[in-house]
Amino acid sequence: MNFDDEDDDDSFMDWDGFDEDYDPEETRAEMEAENRRIKNLPILRKANELMELTQAIVETINKEEDVLMMHEQMLANAMMLAPKIVGAEGGDLYTLRMENAVIIKMHARELLAQTSYCKAEKLAQTAYLNVLRDEIEQFRLLFVEWVNGFDKDNDAPDDWGLFY
């Protein structure tokens, strides 16, 4: 492989379409506004609440009785929700948003199933697990509303045949 500078050719760039009126401050302000919008999404706030609640509950689990390391699995599932929401919002394309939505659904459902296991094995207080289950249900309702807001027309088909 040759990485010398002789191959550096800017002819592939369409400099005619370059915006001469580019304002970095305006771009920064737009990015900050978008970050605020995402941060204030009800589904993202609920995902962060689920993470905090899950952390509090798993701290009550007796690690010696937790032979399947359920506390780590629950944390892993709760930790995946918020980043995938942010990824879906940042990607904006319908297919990318739906891919993230499927991953979110899987982790939320797994977390819900883990509450049942913890109840059955008496790893955590039933009352705490019921609170988490109720919060997951609230998350599910927000999730349905959020997914219904995805713009199906804003997409670039990926030839895998999903979501369109």
N, C-alpha and C. Protein backbone atom coordinates (compact mmCIF):
# COMPACT_ATOMS: atom_id res chain seq x y z
N MET A 1 0.84 -1.19 0.00
CA MET A 1 0.00 0.00 0.00
C MET A 1 0.87 1.24 0.00
N ASN A 2 0.45 2.19 -0.77
CA ASN A 2 1.21 3.42 -0.88
C ASN A 2 0.34 4.57 -0.38
N PHE A 3 0.79 5.25 0.64
CA PHE A 3 0.02 6.34 1.22
C PHE A 3 0.68 7.70 0.99
N ASP A 4 1.40 7.85 -0.10
CA ASP A 4 2.07 9.14 -0.33
C ASP A 4 1.04 10.19 -0.71
N ASP A 5 1.46 11.43 -0.65
CA ASP A 5 0.56 12.56 -0.88
C ASP A 5 0.31 12.83 -2.35
N GLU A 6 0.94 12.10 -3.24
CA GLU A 6 0.77 12.35 -4.66
C GLU A 6 -0.65 12.06 -5.12
N ASP A 7 -1.36 11.21 -4.39
CA ASP A 7 -2.72 10.85 -4.78
C ASP A 7 -3.77 11.81 -4.27
N ASP A 8 -3.37 12.82 -3.52
CA ASP A 8 -4.33 13.77 -2.96
C ASP A 8 -4.86 14.66 -4.08
N ASP A 9 -6.07 14.38 -4.49
CA ASP A 9 -6.70 15.12 -5.57
C ASP A 9 -8.08 15.56 -5.11
N ASP A 10 -8.31 16.85 -5.08
CA ASP A 10 -9.59 17.38 -4.62
C ASP A 10 -10.62 17.46 -5.74
N SER A 11 -10.34 16.87 -6.90
CA SER A 11 -11.26 16.99 -8.02
C SER A 11 -12.59 16.27 -7.76
N PHE A 12 -12.63 15.37 -6.81
CA PHE A 12 -13.87 14.67 -6.50
C PHE A 12 -14.84 15.55 -5.72
N MET A 13 -14.38 16.66 -5.16
CA MET A 13 -15.24 17.55 -4.37
C MET A 13 -15.99 18.51 -5.29
N ASP A 14 -17.24 18.71 -5.00
CA ASP A 14 -18.06 19.67 -5.73
C ASP A 14 -18.00 20.99 -4.98
N TRP A 15 -16.98 21.76 -5.24
CA TRP A 15 -16.78 23.02 -4.52
C TRP A 15 -17.80 24.07 -4.92
N ASP A 16 -18.49 23.87 -6.06
CA ASP A 16 -19.50 24.83 -6.47
C ASP A 16 -20.70 24.81 -5.53
N GLY A 17 -20.95 23.66 -4.93
CA GLY A 17 -22.07 23.54 -4.01
C GLY A 17 -21.73 23.91 -2.58
N PHE A 18 -20.50 24.31 -2.33
CA PHE A 18 -20.07 24.66 -0.99
C PHE A 18 -20.72 25.97 -0.55
N ASP A 19 -21.22 25.97 0.66
CA ASP A 19 -21.94 27.13 1.19
C ASP A 19 -20.94 28.18 1.70
N GLU A 20 -20.82 29.26 0.97
CA GLU A 20 -19.90 30.32 1.37
C GLU A 20 -20.42 31.11 2.56
N ASP A 21 -21.72 31.00 2.83
CA ASP A 21 -22.31 31.73 3.94
C ASP A 21 -22.35 30.90 5.22
N TYR A 22 -21.56 29.85 5.26
CA TYR A 22 -21.51 28.98 6.44
C TYR A 22 -21.15 29.79 7.68
N ASP A 23 -21.98 29.63 8.71
CA ASP A 23 -21.75 30.32 9.97
C ASP A 23 -21.58 29.28 11.07
N PRO A 24 -20.36 29.10 11.57
CA PRO A 24 -20.13 28.07 12.59
C PRO A 24 -20.94 28.31 13.87
N GLU A 25 -21.17 29.55 14.21
CA GLU A 25 -21.95 29.84 15.42
C GLU A 25 -23.41 29.42 15.24
N GLU A 26 -23.93 29.66 14.06
CA GLU A 26 -25.31 29.26 13.78
C GLU A 26 -25.42 27.73 13.82
N THR A 27 -24.43 27.06 13.25
CA THR A 27 -24.41 25.60 13.26
C THR A 27 -24.32 25.08 14.68
N ARG A 28 -23.48 25.69 15.49
CA ARG A 28 -23.33 25.28 16.89
C ARG A 28 -24.65 25.47 17.63
N ALA A 29 -25.31 26.58 17.40
CA ALA A 29 -26.60 26.85 18.06
C ALA A 29 -27.66 25.83 17.63
N GLU A 30 -27.66 25.47 16.34
CA GLU A 30 -28.60 24.46 15.85
C GLU A 30 -28.32 23.11 16.49
N MET A 31 -27.06 22.76 16.63
CA MET A 31 -26.69 21.48 17.25
C MET A 31 -27.08 21.46 18.73
N GLU A 32 -26.87 22.55 19.41
CA GLU A 32 -27.26 22.62 20.82
C GLU A 32 -28.77 22.52 20.98
N ALA A 33 -29.51 23.16 20.08
CA ALA A 33 -30.98 23.08 20.13
C ALA A 33 -31.44 21.65 19.89
N GLU A 34 -30.82 20.98 18.95
CA GLU A 34 -31.17 19.58 18.67
C GLU A 34 -30.83 18.69 19.87
N ASN A 35 -29.69 18.92 20.49
CA ASN A 35 -29.32 18.15 21.69
C ASN A 35 -30.32 18.37 22.81
N ARG A 36 -30.78 19.61 22.99
CA ARG A 36 -31.80 19.90 24.01
C ARG A 36 -33.11 19.19 23.69
N ARG A 37 -33.50 19.21 22.41
CA ARG A 37 -34.73 18.55 22.00
C ARG A 37 -34.67 17.05 22.34
N ILE A 38 -33.57 16.42 21.98
CA ILE A 38 -33.42 14.99 22.24
C ILE A 38 -33.39 14.72 23.74
N LYS A 39 -32.64 15.52 24.48
CA LYS A 39 -32.52 15.34 25.93
C LYS A 39 -33.87 15.44 26.63
N ASN A 40 -34.77 16.24 26.07
CA ASN A 40 -36.08 16.47 26.69
C ASN A 40 -37.18 15.55 26.17
N LEU A 41 -36.84 14.62 25.30
CA LEU A 41 -37.84 13.67 24.82
C LEU A 41 -38.39 12.87 26.00
N PRO A 42 -39.70 12.75 26.12
CA PRO A 42 -40.27 11.97 27.23
C PRO A 42 -39.75 10.54 27.28
N ILE A 43 -39.56 9.91 26.12
CA ILE A 43 -39.09 8.53 26.12
C ILE A 43 -37.65 8.44 26.64
N LEU A 44 -36.83 9.43 26.33
CA LEU A 44 -35.45 9.41 26.81
C LEU A 44 -35.41 9.67 28.31
N ARG A 45 -36.22 10.59 28.78
CA ARG A 45 -36.27 10.85 30.23
C ARG A 45 -36.72 9.59 30.97
N LYS A 46 -37.71 8.89 30.41
CA LYS A 46 -38.20 7.65 31.04
C LYS A 46 -37.12 6.57 30.99
N ALA A 47 -36.38 6.48 29.92
CA ALA A 47 -35.29 5.50 29.83
C ALA A 47 -34.24 5.76 30.92
N ASN A 48 -33.93 7.03 31.14
CA ASN A 48 -32.97 7.37 32.20
C ASN A 48 -33.53 7.04 33.57
N GLU A 49 -34.83 7.25 33.76
CA GLU A 49 -35.47 6.88 35.03
C GLU A 49 -35.42 5.37 35.24
N LEU A 50 -35.66 4.61 34.17
CA LEU A 50 -35.59 3.14 34.27
C LEU A 50 -34.18 2.70 34.66
N MET A 51 -33.19 3.36 34.11
CA MET A 51 -31.81 3.02 34.44
C MET A 51 -31.55 3.27 35.93
N GLU A 52 -31.95 4.43 36.42
CA GLU A 52 -31.73 4.75 37.83
C GLU A 52 -32.49 3.80 38.75
N LEU A 53 -33.72 3.48 38.40
CA LEU A 53 -34.53 2.57 39.20
C LEU A 53 -33.92 1.17 39.19
N THR A 54 -33.50 0.72 38.03
CA THR A 54 -32.88 -0.60 37.93
C THR A 54 -31.61 -0.66 38.78
N GLN A 55 -30.80 0.39 38.71
CA GLN A 55 -29.58 0.44 39.54
C GLN A 55 -29.92 0.30 41.01
N ALA A 56 -30.94 1.02 41.44
CA ALA A 56 -31.32 0.98 42.86
C ALA A 56 -31.80 -0.42 43.25
N ILE A 57 -32.57 -1.05 42.39
CA ILE A 57 -33.10 -2.38 42.70
C ILE A 57 -31.99 -3.43 42.73
N VAL A 58 -31.10 -3.40 41.76
CA VAL A 58 -30.06 -4.44 41.73
C VAL A 58 -29.08 -4.31 42.89
N GLU A 59 -28.99 -3.12 43.45
CA GLU A 59 -28.14 -2.96 44.64
C GLU A 59 -28.70 -3.71 45.84
N THR A 60 -29.99 -4.03 45.81
CA THR A 60 -30.61 -4.76 46.92
C THR A 60 -30.49 -6.28 46.74
N ILE A 61 -30.07 -6.71 45.57
CA ILE A 61 -29.97 -8.15 45.30
C ILE A 61 -28.74 -8.72 46.01
N ASN A 62 -28.96 -9.82 46.71
CA ASN A 62 -27.87 -10.53 47.37
C ASN A 62 -27.05 -11.24 46.29
N LYS A 63 -25.83 -10.81 46.09
CA LYS A 63 -24.99 -11.32 45.00
C LYS A 63 -24.68 -12.80 45.16
N GLU A 64 -24.65 -13.31 46.38
CA GLU A 64 -24.36 -14.73 46.60
C GLU A 64 -25.53 -15.60 46.14
N GLU A 65 -26.74 -15.10 46.23
CA GLU A 65 -27.91 -15.85 45.79
C GLU A 65 -28.19 -15.67 44.31
N ASP A 66 -27.57 -14.71 43.70
CA ASP A 66 -27.80 -14.37 42.29
C ASP A 66 -26.87 -15.20 41.40
N VAL A 67 -27.15 -16.50 41.29
CA VAL A 67 -26.26 -17.40 40.57
C VAL A 67 -26.19 -17.12 39.07
N LEU A 68 -27.24 -16.54 38.52
CA LEU A 68 -27.26 -16.20 37.09
C LEU A 68 -26.80 -14.78 36.82
N MET A 69 -26.34 -14.11 37.86
CA MET A 69 -25.87 -12.72 37.75
C MET A 69 -26.94 -11.83 37.12
N MET A 70 -28.15 -12.01 37.62
CA MET A 70 -29.29 -11.26 37.10
C MET A 70 -29.09 -9.76 37.27
N HIS A 71 -28.41 -9.36 38.34
CA HIS A 71 -28.19 -7.93 38.55
C HIS A 71 -27.41 -7.32 37.40
N GLU A 72 -26.43 -8.04 36.86
CA GLU A 72 -25.65 -7.51 35.74
C GLU A 72 -26.47 -7.51 34.45
N GLN A 73 -27.26 -8.56 34.26
CA GLN A 73 -28.08 -8.63 33.05
C GLN A 73 -29.14 -7.52 33.04
N MET A 74 -29.73 -7.27 34.20
CA MET A 74 -30.74 -6.21 34.28
C MET A 74 -30.11 -4.85 34.00
N LEU A 75 -28.94 -4.61 34.57
CA LEU A 75 -28.26 -3.34 34.31
C LEU A 75 -27.91 -3.19 32.83
N ALA A 76 -27.43 -4.28 32.24
CA ALA A 76 -27.06 -4.22 30.82
C ALA A 76 -28.27 -3.86 29.96
N ASN A 77 -29.42 -4.45 30.25
CA ASN A 77 -30.61 -4.15 29.48
C ASN A 77 -31.06 -2.71 29.70
N ALA A 78 -31.05 -2.27 30.93
CA ALA A 78 -31.48 -0.90 31.23
C ALA A 78 -30.52 0.12 30.60
N MET A 79 -29.24 -0.22 30.57
CA MET A 79 -28.24 0.70 30.01
C MET A 79 -28.35 0.88 28.50
N MET A 80 -28.97 -0.06 27.82
CA MET A 80 -29.06 0.01 26.36
C MET A 80 -30.17 0.94 25.87
N LEU A 81 -31.13 1.25 26.71
CA LEU A 81 -32.30 1.99 26.24
C LEU A 81 -31.96 3.41 25.78
N ALA A 82 -31.37 4.20 26.65
CA ALA A 82 -31.11 5.60 26.32
C ALA A 82 -30.18 5.78 25.11
N PRO A 83 -29.05 5.06 25.05
CA PRO A 83 -28.18 5.27 23.88
C PRO A 83 -28.84 4.91 22.55
N LYS A 84 -29.70 3.91 22.56
CA LYS A 84 -30.37 3.53 21.32
C LYS A 84 -31.43 4.57 20.92
N ILE A 85 -32.05 5.19 21.90
CA ILE A 85 -33.00 6.27 21.60
C ILE A 85 -32.25 7.43 20.95
N VAL A 86 -31.13 7.79 21.55
CA VAL A 86 -30.32 8.89 20.99
C VAL A 86 -29.83 8.53 19.59
N GLY A 87 -29.43 7.29 19.40
CA GLY A 87 -28.98 6.84 18.08
C GLY A 87 -30.09 6.92 17.05
N ALA A 88 -31.29 6.55 17.45
CA ALA A 88 -32.43 6.61 16.53
C ALA A 88 -32.74 8.05 16.16
N GLU A 89 -32.65 8.93 17.13
CA GLU A 89 -32.93 10.35 16.87
C GLU A 89 -31.84 10.97 16.00
N GLY A 90 -30.61 10.56 16.20
CA GLY A 90 -29.51 11.12 15.43
C GLY A 90 -29.49 10.62 14.00
N GLY A 91 -29.92 9.37 13.79
CA GLY A 91 -29.89 8.79 12.46
C GLY A 91 -30.96 9.34 11.55
N ASP A 92 -32.12 9.59 12.06
CA ASP A 92 -33.26 10.20 11.38
C ASP A 92 -33.85 9.36 10.26
N LEU A 93 -33.10 8.55 9.55
CA LEU A 93 -33.66 7.71 8.50
C LEU A 93 -34.56 6.66 9.12
N TYR A 94 -35.69 6.40 8.47
CA TYR A 94 -36.69 5.48 9.00
C TYR A 94 -36.10 4.11 9.33
N THR A 95 -35.34 3.53 8.41
CA THR A 95 -34.78 2.20 8.64
C THR A 95 -33.86 2.19 9.85
N LEU A 96 -33.00 3.19 9.98
CA LEU A 96 -32.09 3.25 11.12
C LEU A 96 -32.86 3.44 12.42
N ARG A 97 -33.89 4.27 12.38
CA ARG A 97 -34.70 4.48 13.58
C ARG A 97 -35.40 3.19 13.98
N MET A 98 -35.94 2.47 13.01
CA MET A 98 -36.64 1.22 13.31
C MET A 98 -35.68 0.15 13.82
N GLU A 99 -34.48 0.09 13.27
CA GLU A 99 -33.49 -0.87 13.78
C GLU A 99 -33.21 -0.61 15.26
N ASN A 100 -33.02 0.64 15.61
CA ASN A 100 -32.81 1.00 17.01
C ASN A 100 -34.04 0.70 17.85
N ALA A 101 -35.21 0.95 17.29
CA ALA A 101 -36.46 0.69 18.02
C ALA A 101 -36.61 -0.79 18.36
N VAL A 102 -36.25 -1.65 17.43
CA VAL A 102 -36.33 -3.09 17.69
C VAL A 102 -35.38 -3.49 18.82
N ILE A 103 -34.19 -2.94 18.81
CA ILE A 103 -33.22 -3.24 19.87
C ILE A 103 -33.74 -2.74 21.22
N ILE A 104 -34.32 -1.56 21.22
CA ILE A 104 -34.89 -0.99 22.46
C ILE A 104 -35.99 -1.90 22.98
N LYS A 105 -36.88 -2.31 22.10
CA LYS A 105 -37.98 -3.19 22.50
C LYS A 105 -37.44 -4.48 23.10
N MET A 106 -36.45 -5.07 22.49
CA MET A 106 -35.90 -6.33 22.99
C MET A 106 -35.31 -6.16 24.39
N HIS A 107 -34.58 -5.10 24.62
CA HIS A 107 -33.97 -4.88 25.93
C HIS A 107 -35.02 -4.57 26.99
N ALA A 108 -36.02 -3.80 26.63
CA ALA A 108 -37.08 -3.47 27.59
C ALA A 108 -37.88 -4.72 27.96
N ARG A 109 -38.19 -5.55 26.98
CA ARG A 109 -38.93 -6.79 27.25
C ARG A 109 -38.09 -7.76 28.07
N GLU A 110 -36.81 -7.81 27.81
CA GLU A 110 -35.93 -8.67 28.59
C GLU A 110 -35.88 -8.20 30.05
N LEU A 111 -35.79 -6.89 30.22
CA LEU A 111 -35.79 -6.34 31.58
C LEU A 111 -37.09 -6.69 32.29
N LEU A 112 -38.19 -6.60 31.59
CA LEU A 112 -39.48 -6.97 32.17
C LEU A 112 -39.49 -8.45 32.58
N ALA A 113 -39.00 -9.31 31.71
CA ALA A 113 -38.94 -10.75 32.03
C ALA A 113 -38.03 -11.00 33.23
N GLN A 114 -36.97 -10.25 33.34
CA GLN A 114 -36.05 -10.43 34.46
C GLN A 114 -36.70 -10.06 35.79
N THR A 115 -37.65 -9.14 35.76
CA THR A 115 -38.36 -8.83 37.01
C THR A 115 -39.16 -10.04 37.48
N SER A 116 -39.72 -10.79 36.54
CA SER A 116 -40.45 -12.01 36.90
C SER A 116 -39.52 -13.05 37.49
N TYR A 117 -38.35 -13.19 36.91
CA TYR A 117 -37.37 -14.14 37.45
C TYR A 117 -36.96 -13.73 38.86
N CYS A 118 -36.71 -12.46 39.05
CA CYS A 118 -36.31 -11.98 40.38
C CYS A 118 -37.40 -12.20 41.42
N LYS A 119 -38.66 -12.05 41.00
CA LYS A 119 -39.79 -12.34 41.90
C LYS A 119 -39.80 -13.82 42.27
N ALA A 120 -39.70 -14.67 41.24
CA ALA A 120 -39.77 -16.12 41.45
C ALA A 120 -38.64 -16.61 42.35
N GLU A 121 -37.47 -16.06 42.19
CA GLU A 121 -36.30 -16.48 42.96
C GLU A 121 -36.13 -15.67 44.25
N LYS A 122 -37.04 -14.72 44.47
CA LYS A 122 -37.00 -13.86 45.65
C LYS A 122 -35.63 -13.15 45.79
N LEU A 123 -35.15 -12.64 44.66
CA LEU A 123 -33.88 -11.93 44.65
C LEU A 123 -34.03 -10.48 45.07
N ALA A 124 -35.22 -9.93 44.87
CA ALA A 124 -35.47 -8.53 45.22
C ALA A 124 -36.89 -8.41 45.76
N GLN A 125 -37.15 -7.32 46.45
CA GLN A 125 -38.48 -7.07 47.03
C GLN A 125 -39.52 -6.98 45.90
N THR A 126 -40.61 -7.68 46.07
CA THR A 126 -41.69 -7.68 45.08
C THR A 126 -42.21 -6.27 44.83
N ALA A 127 -42.31 -5.48 45.88
CA ALA A 127 -42.82 -4.11 45.72
C ALA A 127 -41.91 -3.30 44.81
N TYR A 128 -40.59 -3.45 44.96
CA TYR A 128 -39.64 -2.73 44.10
C TYR A 128 -39.77 -3.20 42.65
N LEU A 129 -39.88 -4.50 42.48
CA LEU A 129 -40.00 -5.05 41.13
C LEU A 129 -41.31 -4.60 40.47
N ASN A 130 -42.37 -4.49 41.26
CA ASN A 130 -43.64 -4.01 40.71
C ASN A 130 -43.53 -2.56 40.24
N VAL A 131 -42.80 -1.75 40.99
CA VAL A 131 -42.58 -0.37 40.56
C VAL A 131 -41.83 -0.35 39.23
N LEU A 132 -40.81 -1.18 39.11
CA LEU A 132 -40.05 -1.24 37.86
C LEU A 132 -40.94 -1.72 36.72
N ARG A 133 -41.77 -2.70 36.97
CA ARG A 133 -42.69 -3.20 35.94
C ARG A 133 -43.66 -2.09 35.49
N ASP A 134 -44.17 -1.33 36.43
CA ASP A 134 -45.06 -0.22 36.09
C ASP A 134 -44.34 0.83 35.25
N GLU A 135 -43.10 1.10 35.60
CA GLU A 135 -42.31 2.08 34.84
C GLU A 135 -42.01 1.57 33.43
N ILE A 136 -41.76 0.28 33.31
CA ILE A 136 -41.53 -0.30 31.98
C ILE A 136 -42.80 -0.17 31.14
N GLU A 137 -43.96 -0.35 31.75
CA GLU A 137 -45.22 -0.19 31.02
C GLU A 137 -45.39 1.26 30.57
N GLN A 138 -45.06 2.21 31.40
CA GLN A 138 -45.12 3.61 30.99
C GLN A 138 -44.15 3.87 29.84
N PHE A 139 -42.96 3.26 29.93
CA PHE A 139 -41.98 3.38 28.86
C PHE A 139 -42.54 2.81 27.56
N ARG A 140 -43.22 1.66 27.65
CA ARG A 140 -43.79 1.03 26.46
C ARG A 140 -44.80 1.95 25.78
N LEU A 141 -45.62 2.60 26.56
CA LEU A 141 -46.61 3.52 25.98
C LEU A 141 -45.92 4.70 25.29
N LEU A 142 -44.90 5.24 25.91
CA LEU A 142 -44.13 6.32 25.27
C LEU A 142 -43.43 5.82 24.02
N PHE A 143 -42.95 4.60 24.08
CA PHE A 143 -42.26 3.98 22.94
C PHE A 143 -43.20 3.89 21.73
N VAL A 144 -44.42 3.39 21.95
CA VAL A 144 -45.40 3.26 20.87
C VAL A 144 -45.67 4.62 20.23
N GLU A 145 -45.86 5.61 21.05
CA GLU A 145 -46.10 6.97 20.55
C GLU A 145 -44.90 7.49 19.76
N TRP A 146 -43.71 7.25 20.29
CA TRP A 146 -42.47 7.70 19.66
C TRP A 146 -42.30 7.04 18.30
N VAL A 147 -42.46 5.73 18.22
CA VAL A 147 -42.28 5.00 16.96
C VAL A 147 -43.32 5.43 15.94
N ASN A 148 -44.54 5.68 16.38
CA ASN A 148 -45.58 6.12 15.45
C ASN A 148 -45.26 7.48 14.82
N GLY A 149 -44.35 8.23 15.44
CA GLY A 149 -43.95 9.52 14.90
C GLY A 149 -42.83 9.45 13.88
N PHE A 150 -42.28 8.26 13.62
CA PHE A 150 -41.21 8.13 12.64
C PHE A 150 -41.76 8.41 11.24
N ASP A 151 -40.98 9.14 10.46
CA ASP A 151 -41.37 9.49 9.10
C ASP A 151 -40.94 8.37 8.14
N LYS A 152 -41.91 7.60 7.68
CA LYS A 152 -41.62 6.46 6.79
C LYS A 152 -41.10 6.91 5.43
N ASP A 153 -41.40 8.14 5.06
CA ASP A 153 -40.95 8.64 3.76
C ASP A 153 -39.49 9.08 3.78
N ASN A 154 -38.94 9.31 4.97
CA ASN A 154 -37.55 9.74 5.09
C ASN A 154 -36.69 8.50 5.27
N ASP A 155 -36.31 7.90 4.15
CA ASP A 155 -35.57 6.65 4.24
C ASP A 155 -34.70 6.47 3.00
N ALA A 156 -33.76 5.60 3.14
CA ALA A 156 -32.93 5.15 2.04
C ALA A 156 -32.94 3.63 2.13
N PRO A 157 -33.70 2.95 1.27
CA PRO A 157 -33.79 1.49 1.36
C PRO A 157 -32.41 0.85 1.39
N ASP A 158 -32.30 -0.17 2.22
CA ASP A 158 -31.00 -0.83 2.39
C ASP A 158 -30.96 -2.21 1.74
N ASP A 159 -31.97 -2.54 0.97
CA ASP A 159 -32.05 -3.80 0.22
C ASP A 159 -32.11 -5.03 1.11
N TRP A 160 -32.46 -4.87 2.38
CA TRP A 160 -32.64 -6.02 3.25
C TRP A 160 -34.12 -6.35 3.39
N GLY A 161 -35.00 -5.50 2.91
CA GLY A 161 -36.41 -5.80 2.88
C GLY A 161 -37.15 -5.59 4.17
N LEU A 162 -36.56 -4.95 5.14
CA LEU A 162 -37.22 -4.70 6.40
C LEU A 162 -37.75 -3.28 6.47
N PHE A 163 -38.88 -3.09 7.15
CA PHE A 163 -39.43 -1.79 7.53
C PHE A 163 -39.97 -0.96 6.38
N TYR A 164 -39.97 -1.47 5.16
CA TYR A 164 -40.54 -0.71 4.04
C TYR A 164 -41.11 -1.65 3.02
